[in-house]
Amino acid sequence: MHELSIALGIVKIAEDETAKAKATSVTKIELEIGVLSGIELDSLNFIWESAIKETVLEFAEKEIIVIPGKGKCVDCDTEFEMVNLFDPCPYCNSYFKGILQGKELRVKALEVI
């Protein structure tokens, strides 16, 4: 379950940024997670409470913004929505594509006090 290491990484980012701001805790954290990032949201939510216990995030409200997947076909230049990394172009069925969005995993915002 790599979601535990991801959650612990998010905690580390929050602790570092909270220290930089000379604050003591976080009231809200906003995360952007793409559908093509390989993160299982159910697993992340399951492990979240354990990962944030006794940290600056312990009482923070968590908001996850899901970024849809989007690709561009190399063969026909069609832009299309993707659910999986291996989705073919719906126009020409080519598997050669560039990923335009959906692999994001970032801490978008922290509200600290």
PDB file of N, CA and C in Angstrom:
ATOM      1  N   MET A   1       0.856  -1.188   0.000  1.00  0.00           N
ATOM      2  CA  MET A   1       0.000   0.000   0.000  1.00  0.00           C
ATOM      3  C   MET A   1       0.895   1.241   0.000  1.00  0.00           C
ATOM      4  N   HIS A   2       1.133   1.803  -1.177  1.00  0.00           N
ATOM      5  CA  HIS A   2       1.984   2.984  -1.244  1.00  0.00           C
ATOM      6  C   HIS A   2       1.256   4.258  -0.816  1.00  0.00           C
ATOM      7  N   GLU A   3      -0.043   4.180  -0.603  1.00  0.00           N
ATOM      8  CA  GLU A   3      -0.784   5.345  -0.136  1.00  0.00           C
ATOM      9  C   GLU A   3      -0.317   5.800   1.242  1.00  0.00           C
ATOM     10  N   LEU A   4       0.187   4.864   2.074  1.00  0.00           N
ATOM     11  CA  LEU A   4       0.723   5.246   3.381  1.00  0.00           C
ATOM     12  C   LEU A   4       1.932   6.153   3.213  1.00  0.00           C
ATOM     13  N   SER A   5       2.852   5.799   2.335  1.00  0.00           N
ATOM     14  CA  SER A   5       4.026   6.651   2.129  1.00  0.00           C
ATOM     15  C   SER A   5       3.629   7.991   1.520  1.00  0.00           C
ATOM     16  N   ILE A   6       2.609   7.997   0.687  1.00  0.00           N
ATOM     17  CA  ILE A   6       2.119   9.255   0.120  1.00  0.00           C
ATOM     18  C   ILE A   6       1.510  10.125   1.217  1.00  0.00           C
ATOM     19  N   ALA A   7       0.700   9.524   2.087  1.00  0.00           N
ATOM     20  CA  ALA A   7       0.099  10.272   3.195  1.00  0.00           C
ATOM     21  C   ALA A   7       1.178  10.834   4.115  1.00  0.00           C
ATOM     22  N   LEU A   8       2.202  10.044   4.396  1.00  0.00           N
ATOM     23  CA  LEU A   8       3.293  10.523   5.255  1.00  0.00           C
ATOM     24  C   LEU A   8       4.081  11.635   4.581  1.00  0.00           C
ATOM     25  N   GLY A   9       4.222  11.569   3.264  1.00  0.00           N
ATOM     26  CA  GLY A   9       4.862  12.657   2.522  1.00  0.00           C
ATOM     27  C   GLY A   9       4.056  13.941   2.590  1.00  0.00           C
ATOM     28  N   ILE A  10       2.740  13.824   2.507  1.00  0.00           N
ATOM     29  CA  ILE A  10       1.862  14.990   2.623  1.00  0.00           C
ATOM     30  C   ILE A  10       1.981  15.591   4.021  1.00  0.00           C
ATOM     31  N   VAL A  11       2.041  14.743   5.038  1.00  0.00           N
ATOM     32  CA  VAL A  11       2.227  15.221   6.421  1.00  0.00           C
ATOM     33  C   VAL A  11       3.534  15.987   6.531  1.00  0.00           C
ATOM     34  N   LYS A  12       4.607  15.467   5.941  1.00  0.00           N
ATOM     35  CA  LYS A  12       5.921  16.135   5.991  1.00  0.00           C
ATOM     36  C   LYS A  12       5.858  17.504   5.332  1.00  0.00           C
ATOM     37  N   ILE A  13       5.214  17.587   4.176  1.00  0.00           N
ATOM     38  CA  ILE A  13       5.052  18.879   3.490  1.00  0.00           C
ATOM     39  C   ILE A  13       4.284  19.847   4.378  1.00  0.00           C
ATOM     40  N   ALA A  14       3.182  19.386   4.974  1.00  0.00           N
ATOM     41  CA  ALA A  14       2.367  20.249   5.836  1.00  0.00           C
ATOM     42  C   ALA A  14       3.161  20.710   7.048  1.00  0.00           C
ATOM     43  N   GLU A  15       3.939  19.813   7.658  1.00  0.00           N
ATOM     44  CA  GLU A  15       4.738  20.203   8.824  1.00  0.00           C
ATOM     45  C   GLU A  15       5.813  21.211   8.450  1.00  0.00           C
ATOM     46  N   ASP A  16       6.480  21.016   7.318  1.00  0.00           N
ATOM     47  CA  ASP A  16       7.512  21.964   6.874  1.00  0.00           C
ATOM     48  C   ASP A  16       6.920  23.337   6.585  1.00  0.00           C
ATOM     49  N   GLU A  17       5.784  23.361   5.887  1.00  0.00           N
ATOM     50  CA  GLU A  17       5.171  24.650   5.531  1.00  0.00           C
ATOM     51  C   GLU A  17       4.586  25.347   6.763  1.00  0.00           C
ATOM     52  N   THR A  18       4.068  24.587   7.688  1.00  0.00           N
ATOM     53  CA  THR A  18       3.536  25.165   8.923  1.00  0.00           C
ATOM     54  C   THR A  18       4.667  25.789   9.734  1.00  0.00           C
ATOM     55  N   ALA A  19       5.803  25.123   9.786  1.00  0.00           N
ATOM     56  CA  ALA A  19       6.968  25.670  10.495  1.00  0.00           C
ATOM     57  C   ALA A  19       7.467  26.937   9.822  1.00  0.00           C
ATOM     58  N   LYS A  20       7.500  26.966   8.491  1.00  0.00           N
ATOM     59  CA  LYS A  20       7.923  28.165   7.758  1.00  0.00           C
ATOM     60  C   LYS A  20       7.026  29.354   8.076  1.00  0.00           C
ATOM     61  N   ALA A  21       5.724  29.088   8.233  1.00  0.00           N
ATOM     62  CA  ALA A  21       4.751  30.149   8.516  1.00  0.00           C
ATOM     63  C   ALA A  21       4.690  30.491  10.008  1.00  0.00           C
ATOM     64  N   LYS A  22       5.508  29.801  10.807  1.00  0.00           N
ATOM     65  CA  LYS A  22       5.509  29.991  12.259  1.00  0.00           C
ATOM     66  C   LYS A  22       4.115  29.778  12.850  1.00  0.00           C
ATOM     67  N   ALA A  23       3.433  28.776  12.345  1.00  0.00           N
ATOM     68  CA  ALA A  23       2.093  28.416  12.822  1.00  0.00           C
ATOM     69  C   ALA A  23       2.196  27.116  13.615  1.00  0.00           C
ATOM     70  N   THR A  24       1.093  26.766  14.257  1.00  0.00           N
ATOM     71  CA  THR A  24       1.110  25.559  15.094  1.00  0.00           C
ATOM     72  C   THR A  24       0.251  24.423  14.551  1.00  0.00           C
ATOM     73  N   SER A  25      -0.746  24.744  13.739  1.00  0.00           N
ATOM     74  CA  SER A  25      -1.583  23.673  13.192  1.00  0.00           C
ATOM     75  C   SER A  25      -2.226  24.098  11.879  1.00  0.00           C
ATOM     76  N   VAL A  26      -2.781  23.113  11.206  1.00  0.00           N
ATOM     77  CA  VAL A  26      -3.446  23.326   9.921  1.00  0.00           C
ATOM     78  C   VAL A  26      -4.944  23.148  10.132  1.00  0.00           C
ATOM     79  N   THR A  27      -5.735  24.087   9.615  1.00  0.00           N
ATOM     80  CA  THR A  27      -7.188  23.965   9.722  1.00  0.00           C
ATOM     81  C   THR A  27      -7.803  23.316   8.478  1.00  0.00           C
ATOM     82  N   LYS A  28      -7.112  23.463   7.321  1.00  0.00           N
ATOM     83  CA  LYS A  28      -7.639  22.879   6.080  1.00  0.00           C
ATOM     84  C   LYS A  28      -6.477  22.574   5.153  1.00  0.00           C
ATOM     85  N   ILE A  29      -6.581  21.434   4.477  1.00  0.00           N
ATOM     86  CA  ILE A  29      -5.611  21.071   3.448  1.00  0.00           C
ATOM     87  C   ILE A  29      -6.375  20.714   2.186  1.00  0.00           C
ATOM     88  N   GLU A  30      -5.902  21.253   1.062  1.00  0.00           N
ATOM     89  CA  GLU A  30      -6.500  20.941  -0.238  1.00  0.00           C
ATOM     90  C   GLU A  30      -5.475  20.164  -1.050  1.00  0.00           C
ATOM     91  N   LEU A  31      -5.899  19.020  -1.563  1.00  0.00           N
ATOM     92  CA  LEU A  31      -5.037  18.170  -2.377  1.00  0.00           C
ATOM     93  C   LEU A  31      -5.603  18.059  -3.775  1.00  0.00           C
ATOM     94  N   GLU A  32      -4.739  18.064  -4.771  1.00  0.00           N
ATOM     95  CA  GLU A  32      -5.137  17.783  -6.147  1.00  0.00           C
ATOM     96  C   GLU A  32      -4.563  16.421  -6.512  1.00  0.00           C
ATOM     97  N   ILE A  33      -5.442  15.506  -6.897  1.00  0.00           N
ATOM     98  CA  ILE A  33      -5.021  14.151  -7.243  1.00  0.00           C
ATOM     99  C   ILE A  33      -5.647  13.773  -8.577  1.00  0.00           C
ATOM    100  N   GLY A  34      -4.813  13.438  -9.533  1.00  0.00           N
ATOM    101  CA  GLY A  34      -5.284  13.046 -10.855  1.00  0.00           C
ATOM    102  C   GLY A  34      -5.717  11.595 -10.905  1.00  0.00           C
ATOM    103  N   VAL A  35      -6.683  11.306 -11.760  1.00  0.00           N
ATOM    104  CA  VAL A  35      -7.196   9.936 -11.872  1.00  0.00           C
ATOM    105  C   VAL A  35      -6.164   8.986 -12.477  1.00  0.00           C
ATOM    106  N   LEU A  36      -5.144   9.523 -13.127  1.00  0.00           N
ATOM    107  CA  LEU A  36      -4.098   8.698 -13.729  1.00  0.00           C
ATOM    108  C   LEU A  36      -2.850   8.624 -12.856  1.00  0.00           C
ATOM    109  N   SER A  37      -2.921   9.156 -11.651  1.00  0.00           N
ATOM    110  CA  SER A  37      -1.742   9.230 -10.771  1.00  0.00           C
ATOM    111  C   SER A  37      -1.388   7.903 -10.122  1.00  0.00           C
ATOM    112  N   GLY A  38      -2.286   6.948 -10.153  1.00  0.00           N
ATOM    113  CA  GLY A  38      -2.032   5.667  -9.514  1.00  0.00           C
ATOM    114  C   GLY A  38      -2.405   5.640  -8.042  1.00  0.00           C
ATOM    115  N   ILE A  39      -3.012   6.727  -7.543  1.00  0.00           N
ATOM    116  CA  ILE A  39      -3.431   6.805  -6.154  1.00  0.00           C
ATOM    117  C   ILE A  39      -4.845   6.258  -6.039  1.00  0.00           C
ATOM    118  N   GLU A  40      -5.040   5.307  -5.159  1.00  0.00           N
ATOM    119  CA  GLU A  40      -6.379   4.801  -4.860  1.00  0.00           C
ATOM    120  C   GLU A  40      -6.961   5.682  -3.757  1.00  0.00           C
ATOM    121  N   LEU A  41      -7.957   6.476  -4.080  1.00  0.00           N
ATOM    122  CA  LEU A  41      -8.530   7.413  -3.112  1.00  0.00           C
ATOM    123  C   LEU A  41      -9.113   6.702  -1.904  1.00  0.00           C
ATOM    124  N   ASP A  42      -9.740   5.550  -2.105  1.00  0.00           N
ATOM    125  CA  ASP A  42     -10.286   4.801  -0.977  1.00  0.00           C
ATOM    126  C   ASP A  42      -9.174   4.374  -0.020  1.00  0.00           C
ATOM    127  N   SER A  43      -8.047   3.934  -0.558  1.00  0.00           N
ATOM    128  CA  SER A  43      -6.918   3.525   0.281  1.00  0.00           C
ATOM    129  C   SER A  43      -6.313   4.719   1.006  1.00  0.00           C
ATOM    130  N   LEU A  44      -6.189   5.847   0.298  1.00  0.00           N
ATOM    131  CA  LEU A  44      -5.652   7.057   0.938  1.00  0.00           C
ATOM    132  C   LEU A  44      -6.568   7.510   2.066  1.00  0.00           C
ATOM    133  N   ASN A  45      -7.866   7.510   1.825  1.00  0.00           N
ATOM    134  CA  ASN A  45      -8.816   7.909   2.867  1.00  0.00           C
ATOM    135  C   ASN A  45      -8.792   6.935   4.050  1.00  0.00           C
ATOM    136  N   PHE A  46      -8.594   5.652   3.774  1.00  0.00           N
ATOM    137  CA  PHE A  46      -8.545   4.641   4.819  1.00  0.00           C
ATOM    138  C   PHE A  46      -7.347   4.857   5.747  1.00  0.00           C
ATOM    139  N   ILE A  47      -6.197   5.179   5.169  1.00  0.00           N
ATOM    140  CA  ILE A  47      -4.969   5.299   5.955  1.00  0.00           C
ATOM    141  C   ILE A  47      -4.780   6.708   6.529  1.00  0.00           C
ATOM    142  N   TRP A  48      -5.559   7.672   6.063  1.00  0.00           N
ATOM    143  CA  TRP A  48      -5.369   9.081   6.415  1.00  0.00           C
ATOM    144  C   TRP A  48      -5.365   9.329   7.922  1.00  0.00           C
ATOM    145  N   GLU A  49      -6.350   8.821   8.628  1.00  0.00           N
ATOM    146  CA  GLU A  49      -6.456   9.089  10.070  1.00  0.00           C
ATOM    147  C   GLU A  49      -5.228   8.587  10.835  1.00  0.00           C
ATOM    148  N   SER A  50      -4.718   7.441  10.455  1.00  0.00           N
ATOM    149  CA  SER A  50      -3.525   6.904  11.112  1.00  0.00           C
ATOM    150  C   SER A  50      -2.298   7.750  10.789  1.00  0.00           C
ATOM    151  N   ALA A  51      -2.192   8.212   9.562  1.00  0.00           N
ATOM    152  CA  ALA A  51      -1.016   8.977   9.136  1.00  0.00           C
ATOM    153  C   ALA A  51      -0.946  10.364   9.776  1.00  0.00           C
ATOM    154  N   ILE A  52      -2.100  10.973  10.048  1.00  0.00           N
ATOM    155  CA  ILE A  52      -2.091  12.352  10.564  1.00  0.00           C
ATOM    156  C   ILE A  52      -2.176  12.430  12.080  1.00  0.00           C
ATOM    157  N   LYS A  53      -2.299  11.298  12.749  1.00  0.00           N
ATOM    158  CA  LYS A  53      -2.429  11.296  14.210  1.00  0.00           C
ATOM    159  C   LYS A  53      -1.203  11.958  14.841  1.00  0.00           C
ATOM    160  N   GLU A  54      -1.471  12.909  15.752  1.00  0.00           N
ATOM    161  CA  GLU A  54      -0.449  13.655  16.491  1.00  0.00           C
ATOM    162  C   GLU A  54       0.479  14.454  15.571  1.00  0.00           C
ATOM    163  N   THR A  55      -0.077  14.988  14.483  1.00  0.00           N
ATOM    164  CA  THR A  55       0.675  15.872  13.584  1.00  0.00           C
ATOM    165  C   THR A  55      -0.095  17.180  13.446  1.00  0.00           C
ATOM    166  N   VAL A  56       0.454  18.112  12.686  1.00  0.00           N
ATOM    167  CA  VAL A  56      -0.221  19.394  12.462  1.00  0.00           C
ATOM    168  C   VAL A  56      -1.525  19.227  11.686  1.00  0.00           C
ATOM    169  N   LEU A  57      -1.695  18.087  11.046  1.00  0.00           N
ATOM    170  CA  LEU A  57      -2.911  17.830  10.252  1.00  0.00           C
ATOM    171  C   LEU A  57      -4.006  17.104  11.021  1.00  0.00           C
ATOM    172  N   GLU A  58      -3.761  16.787  12.289  1.00  0.00           N
ATOM    173  CA  GLU A  58      -4.683  15.930  13.024  1.00  0.00           C
ATOM    174  C   GLU A  58      -6.127  16.440  13.015  1.00  0.00           C
ATOM    175  N   PHE A  59      -6.331  17.741  13.105  1.00  0.00           N
ATOM    176  CA  PHE A  59      -7.694  18.277  13.161  1.00  0.00           C
ATOM    177  C   PHE A  59      -8.060  19.067  11.904  1.00  0.00           C
ATOM    178  N   ALA A  60      -7.273  18.899  10.853  1.00  0.00           N
ATOM    179  CA  ALA A  60      -7.498  19.645   9.614  1.00  0.00           C
ATOM    180  C   ALA A  60      -8.611  19.021   8.783  1.00  0.00           C
ATOM    181  N   GLU A  61      -9.371  19.889   8.143  1.00  0.00           N
ATOM    182  CA  GLU A  61     -10.350  19.440   7.153  1.00  0.00           C
ATOM    183  C   GLU A  61      -9.586  19.114   5.878  1.00  0.00           C
ATOM    184  N   LYS A  62      -9.875  17.967   5.262  1.00  0.00           N
ATOM    185  CA  LYS A  62      -9.193  17.546   4.044  1.00  0.00           C
ATOM    186  C   LYS A  62     -10.155  17.672   2.868  1.00  0.00           C
ATOM    187  N   GLU A  63      -9.696  18.333   1.821  1.00  0.00           N
ATOM    188  CA  GLU A  63     -10.477  18.436   0.592  1.00  0.00           C
ATOM    189  C   GLU A  63      -9.635  17.887  -0.552  1.00  0.00           C
ATOM    190  N   ILE A  64     -10.200  16.946  -1.290  1.00  0.00           N
ATOM    191  CA  ILE A  64      -9.500  16.359  -2.431  1.00  0.00           C
ATOM    192  C   ILE A  64     -10.187  16.813  -3.708  1.00  0.00           C
ATOM    193  N   ILE A  65      -9.419  17.433  -4.579  1.00  0.00           N
ATOM    194  CA  ILE A  65      -9.898  17.854  -5.888  1.00  0.00           C
ATOM    195  C   ILE A  65      -9.386  16.816  -6.887  1.00  0.00           C
ATOM    196  N   VAL A  66     -10.299  16.117  -7.534  1.00  0.00           N
ATOM    197  CA  VAL A  66      -9.925  15.061  -8.477  1.00  0.00           C
ATOM    198  C   VAL A  66      -9.761  15.682  -9.863  1.00  0.00           C
ATOM    199  N   ILE A  67      -8.577  15.486 -10.439  1.00  0.00           N
ATOM    200  CA  ILE A  67      -8.279  16.024 -11.764  1.00  0.00           C
ATOM    201  C   ILE A  67      -8.537  14.916 -12.788  1.00  0.00           C
ATOM    202  N   PRO A  68      -9.432  15.163 -13.759  1.00  0.00           N
ATOM    203  CA  PRO A  68      -9.720  14.127 -14.755  1.00  0.00           C
ATOM    204  C   PRO A  68      -8.523  13.896 -15.675  1.00  0.00           C
ATOM    205  N   GLY A  69      -8.459  12.704 -16.252  1.00  0.00           N
ATOM    206  CA  GLY A  69      -7.389  12.380 -17.187  1.00  0.00           C
ATOM    207  C   GLY A  69      -7.686  12.917 -18.567  1.00  0.00           C
ATOM    208  N   LYS A  70      -6.624  13.394 -19.221  1.00  0.00           N
ATOM    209  CA  LYS A  70      -6.782  13.931 -20.561  1.00  0.00           C
ATOM    210  C   LYS A  70      -5.520  13.594 -21.353  1.00  0.00           C
ATOM    211  N   GLY A  71      -5.717  13.092 -22.559  1.00  0.00           N
ATOM    212  CA  GLY A  71      -4.588  12.745 -23.420  1.00  0.00           C
ATOM    213  C   GLY A  71      -4.732  13.369 -24.787  1.00  0.00           C
ATOM    214  N   LYS A  72      -3.622  13.334 -25.545  1.00  0.00           N
ATOM    215  CA  LYS A  72      -3.630  13.828 -26.918  1.00  0.00           C
ATOM    216  C   LYS A  72      -2.953  12.774 -27.787  1.00  0.00           C
ATOM    217  N   CYS A  73      -3.672  12.315 -28.782  1.00  0.00           N
ATOM    218  CA  CYS A  73      -3.186  11.282 -29.678  1.00  0.00           C
ATOM    219  C   CYS A  73      -2.014  11.817 -30.511  1.00  0.00           C
ATOM    220  N   VAL A  74      -0.944  11.037 -30.586  1.00  0.00           N
ATOM    221  CA  VAL A  74       0.219  11.411 -31.378  1.00  0.00           C
ATOM    222  C   VAL A  74      -0.072  11.253 -32.870  1.00  0.00           C
ATOM    223  N   ASP A  75      -0.903  10.284 -33.213  1.00  0.00           N
ATOM    224  CA  ASP A  75      -1.163   9.998 -34.626  1.00  0.00           C
ATOM    225  C   ASP A  75      -2.164  10.957 -35.273  1.00  0.00           C
ATOM    226  N   CYS A  76      -3.229  11.329 -34.553  1.00  0.00           N
ATOM    227  CA  CYS A  76      -4.269  12.149 -35.198  1.00  0.00           C
ATOM    228  C   CYS A  76      -4.542  13.470 -34.469  1.00  0.00           C
ATOM    229  N   ASP A  77      -3.798  13.766 -33.413  1.00  0.00           N
ATOM    230  CA  ASP A  77      -3.916  15.024 -32.652  1.00  0.00           C
ATOM    231  C   ASP A  77      -5.259  15.212 -31.946  1.00  0.00           C
ATOM    232  N   THR A  78      -6.020  14.157 -31.764  1.00  0.00           N
ATOM    233  CA  THR A  78      -7.288  14.246 -31.044  1.00  0.00           C
ATOM    234  C   THR A  78      -7.020  14.320 -29.545  1.00  0.00           C
ATOM    235  N   GLU A  79      -7.657  15.280 -28.871  1.00  0.00           N
ATOM    236  CA  GLU A  79      -7.608  15.333 -27.412  1.00  0.00           C
ATOM    237  C   GLU A  79      -8.815  14.576 -26.882  1.00  0.00           C
ATOM    238  N   PHE A  80      -8.584  13.749 -25.840  1.00  0.00           N
ATOM    239  CA  PHE A  80      -9.669  12.928 -25.326  1.00  0.00           C
ATOM    240  C   PHE A  80      -9.500  12.677 -23.837  1.00  0.00           C
ATOM    241  N   GLU A  81     -10.638  12.382 -23.194  1.00  0.00           N
ATOM    242  CA  GLU A  81     -10.622  12.066 -21.768  1.00  0.00           C
ATOM    243  C   GLU A  81     -10.132  10.647 -21.570  1.00  0.00           C
ATOM    244  N   MET A  82      -9.414  10.458 -20.470  1.00  0.00           N
ATOM    245  CA  MET A  82      -8.865   9.141 -20.152  1.00  0.00           C
ATOM    246  C   MET A  82      -9.263   8.744 -18.743  1.00  0.00           C
ATOM    247  N   VAL A  83      -9.537   7.473 -18.566  1.00  0.00           N
ATOM    248  CA  VAL A  83      -9.823   6.921 -17.250  1.00  0.00           C
ATOM    249  C   VAL A  83      -8.640   6.068 -16.786  1.00  0.00           C
ATOM    250  N   ASN A  84      -7.975   5.427 -17.754  1.00  0.00           N
ATOM    251  CA  ASN A  84      -6.815   4.579 -17.488  1.00  0.00           C
ATOM    252  C   ASN A  84      -5.645   5.025 -18.358  1.00  0.00           C
ATOM    253  N   LEU A  85      -4.429   4.753 -17.906  1.00  0.00           N
ATOM    254  CA  LEU A  85      -3.245   5.130 -18.683  1.00  0.00           C
ATOM    255  C   LEU A  85      -3.188   4.453 -20.044  1.00  0.00           C
ATOM    256  N   PHE A  86      -3.829   3.299 -20.167  1.00  0.00           N
ATOM    257  CA  PHE A  86      -3.732   2.541 -21.400  1.00  0.00           C
ATOM    258  C   PHE A  86      -4.924   2.732 -22.333  1.00  0.00           C
ATOM    259  N   ASP A  87      -5.727   3.759 -22.089  1.00  0.00           N
ATOM    260  CA  ASP A  87      -6.869   4.028 -22.961  1.00  0.00           C
ATOM    261  C   ASP A  87      -6.382   4.437 -24.356  1.00  0.00           C
ATOM    262  N   PRO A  88      -6.945   3.849 -25.409  1.00  0.00           N
ATOM    263  CA  PRO A  88      -6.570   4.254 -26.768  1.00  0.00           C
ATOM    264  C   PRO A  88      -7.342   5.502 -27.198  1.00  0.00           C
ATOM    265  N   CYS A  89      -6.886   6.095 -28.257  1.00  0.00           N
ATOM    266  CA  CYS A  89      -7.597   7.232 -28.845  1.00  0.00           C
ATOM    267  C   CYS A  89      -8.964   6.757 -29.319  1.00  0.00           C
ATOM    268  N   PRO A  90     -10.031   7.453 -28.948  1.00  0.00           N
ATOM    269  CA  PRO A  90     -11.366   7.020 -29.378  1.00  0.00           C
ATOM    270  C   PRO A  90     -11.623   7.271 -30.867  1.00  0.00           C
ATOM    271  N   TYR A  91     -10.790   8.095 -31.506  1.00  0.00           N
ATOM    272  CA  TYR A  91     -11.000   8.411 -32.919  1.00  0.00           C
ATOM    273  C   TYR A  91     -10.305   7.406 -33.837  1.00  0.00           C
ATOM    274  N   CYS A  92      -9.006   7.124 -33.539  1.00  0.00           N
ATOM    275  CA  CYS A  92      -8.249   6.252 -34.450  1.00  0.00           C
ATOM    276  C   CYS A  92      -7.746   4.959 -33.788  1.00  0.00           C
ATOM    277  N   ASN A  93      -8.052   4.789 -32.490  1.00  0.00           N
ATOM    278  CA  ASN A  93      -7.654   3.610 -31.714  1.00  0.00           C
ATOM    279  C   ASN A  93      -6.154   3.450 -31.521  1.00  0.00           C
ATOM    280  N   SER A  94      -5.392   4.495 -31.735  1.00  0.00           N
ATOM    281  CA  SER A  94      -3.952   4.448 -31.502  1.00  0.00           C
ATOM    282  C   SER A  94      -3.667   4.480 -29.993  1.00  0.00           C
ATOM    283  N   TYR A  95      -2.609   3.784 -29.605  1.00  0.00           N
ATOM    284  CA  TYR A  95      -2.194   3.806 -28.202  1.00  0.00           C
ATOM    285  C   TYR A  95      -1.059   4.809 -27.965  1.00  0.00           C
ATOM    286  N   PHE A  96      -0.620   5.496 -29.011  1.00  0.00           N
ATOM    287  CA  PHE A  96       0.440   6.489 -28.877  1.00  0.00           C
ATOM    288  C   PHE A  96      -0.178   7.835 -28.535  1.00  0.00           C
ATOM    289  N   LYS A  97       0.089   8.286 -27.321  1.00  0.00           N
ATOM    290  CA  LYS A  97      -0.534   9.527 -26.854  1.00  0.00           C
ATOM    291  C   LYS A  97       0.374  10.207 -25.849  1.00  0.00           C
ATOM    292  N   GLY A  98       0.126  11.480 -25.672  1.00  0.00           N
ATOM    293  CA  GLY A  98       0.761  12.237 -24.598  1.00  0.00           C
ATOM    294  C   GLY A  98      -0.280  12.492 -23.525  1.00  0.00           C
ATOM    295  N   ILE A  99       0.152  12.464 -22.291  1.00  0.00           N
ATOM    296  CA  ILE A  99      -0.757  12.743 -21.169  1.00  0.00           C
ATOM    297  C   ILE A  99      -0.735  14.247 -20.920  1.00  0.00           C
ATOM    298  N   LEU A 100      -1.892  14.891 -21.036  1.00  0.00           N
ATOM    299  CA  LEU A 100      -1.996  16.335 -20.820  1.00  0.00           C
ATOM    300  C   LEU A 100      -2.306  16.669 -19.362  1.00  0.00           C
ATOM    301  N   GLN A 101      -3.109  15.841 -18.725  1.00  0.00           N
ATOM    302  CA  GLN A 101      -3.431  16.056 -17.311  1.00  0.00           C
ATOM    303  C   GLN A 101      -3.963  14.766 -16.716  1.00  0.00           C
ATOM    304  N   GLY A 102      -3.925  14.715 -15.385  1.00  0.00           N
ATOM    305  CA  GLY A 102      -4.472  13.566 -14.696  1.00  0.00           C
ATOM    306  C   GLY A 102      -3.455  12.800 -13.875  1.00  0.00           C
ATOM    307  N   LYS A 103      -2.165  13.166 -13.970  1.00  0.00           N
ATOM    308  CA  LYS A 103      -1.139  12.488 -13.184  1.00  0.00           C
ATOM    309  C   LYS A 103      -0.726  13.325 -11.968  1.00  0.00           C
ATOM    310  N   GLU A 104      -1.461  14.398 -11.696  1.00  0.00           N
ATOM    311  CA  GLU A 104      -1.108  15.310 -10.618  1.00  0.00           C
ATOM    312  C   GLU A 104      -1.235  14.660  -9.245  1.00  0.00           C
ATOM    313  N   LEU A 105      -0.375  15.085  -8.361  1.00  0.00           N
ATOM    314  CA  LEU A 105      -0.481  14.788  -6.927  1.00  0.00           C
ATOM    315  C   LEU A 105       0.214  15.950  -6.248  1.00  0.00           C
ATOM    316  N   ARG A 106      -0.583  16.901  -5.762  1.00  0.00           N
ATOM    317  CA  ARG A 106       0.029  18.079  -5.151  1.00  0.00           C
ATOM    318  C   ARG A 106      -0.817  18.591  -3.992  1.00  0.00           C
ATOM    319  N   VAL A 107      -0.107  19.237  -3.059  1.00  0.00           N
ATOM    320  CA  VAL A 107      -0.778  19.965  -1.994  1.00  0.00           C
ATOM    321  C   VAL A 107      -1.067  21.334  -2.582  1.00  0.00           C
ATOM    322  N   LYS A 108      -2.342  21.606  -2.818  1.00  0.00           N
ATOM    323  CA  LYS A 108      -2.721  22.861  -3.466  1.00  0.00           C
ATOM    324  C   LYS A 108      -2.719  24.014  -2.465  1.00  0.00           C
ATOM    325  N   ALA A 109      -3.229  23.785  -1.256  1.00  0.00           N
ATOM    326  CA  ALA A 109      -3.324  24.871  -0.284  1.00  0.00           C
ATOM    327  C   ALA A 109      -3.347  24.322   1.135  1.00  0.00           C
ATOM    328  N   LEU A 110      -2.831  25.132   2.041  1.00  0.00           N
ATOM    329  CA  LEU A 110      -2.892  24.857   3.471  1.00  0.00           C
ATOM    330  C   LEU A 110      -3.397  26.107   4.169  1.00  0.00           C
ATOM    331  N   GLU A 111      -4.356  25.955   5.072  1.00  0.00           N
ATOM    332  CA  GLU A 111      -4.776  27.062   5.929  1.00  0.00           C
ATOM    333  C   GLU A 111      -4.214  26.756   7.305  1.00  0.00           C
ATOM    334  N   VAL A 112      -3.369  27.663   7.807  1.00  0.00           N
ATOM    335  CA  VAL A 112      -2.690  27.422   9.088  1.00  0.00           C
ATOM    336  C   VAL A 112      -3.084  28.469  10.125  1.00  0.00           C
ATOM    337  N   ILE A 113      -2.933  28.082  11.398  1.00  0.00           N
ATOM    338  CA  ILE A 113      -3.151  29.029  12.498  1.00  0.00           C
ATOM    339  C   ILE A 113      -1.993  28.915  13.476  1.00  0.00           C
TER     340      ILE A 113
END
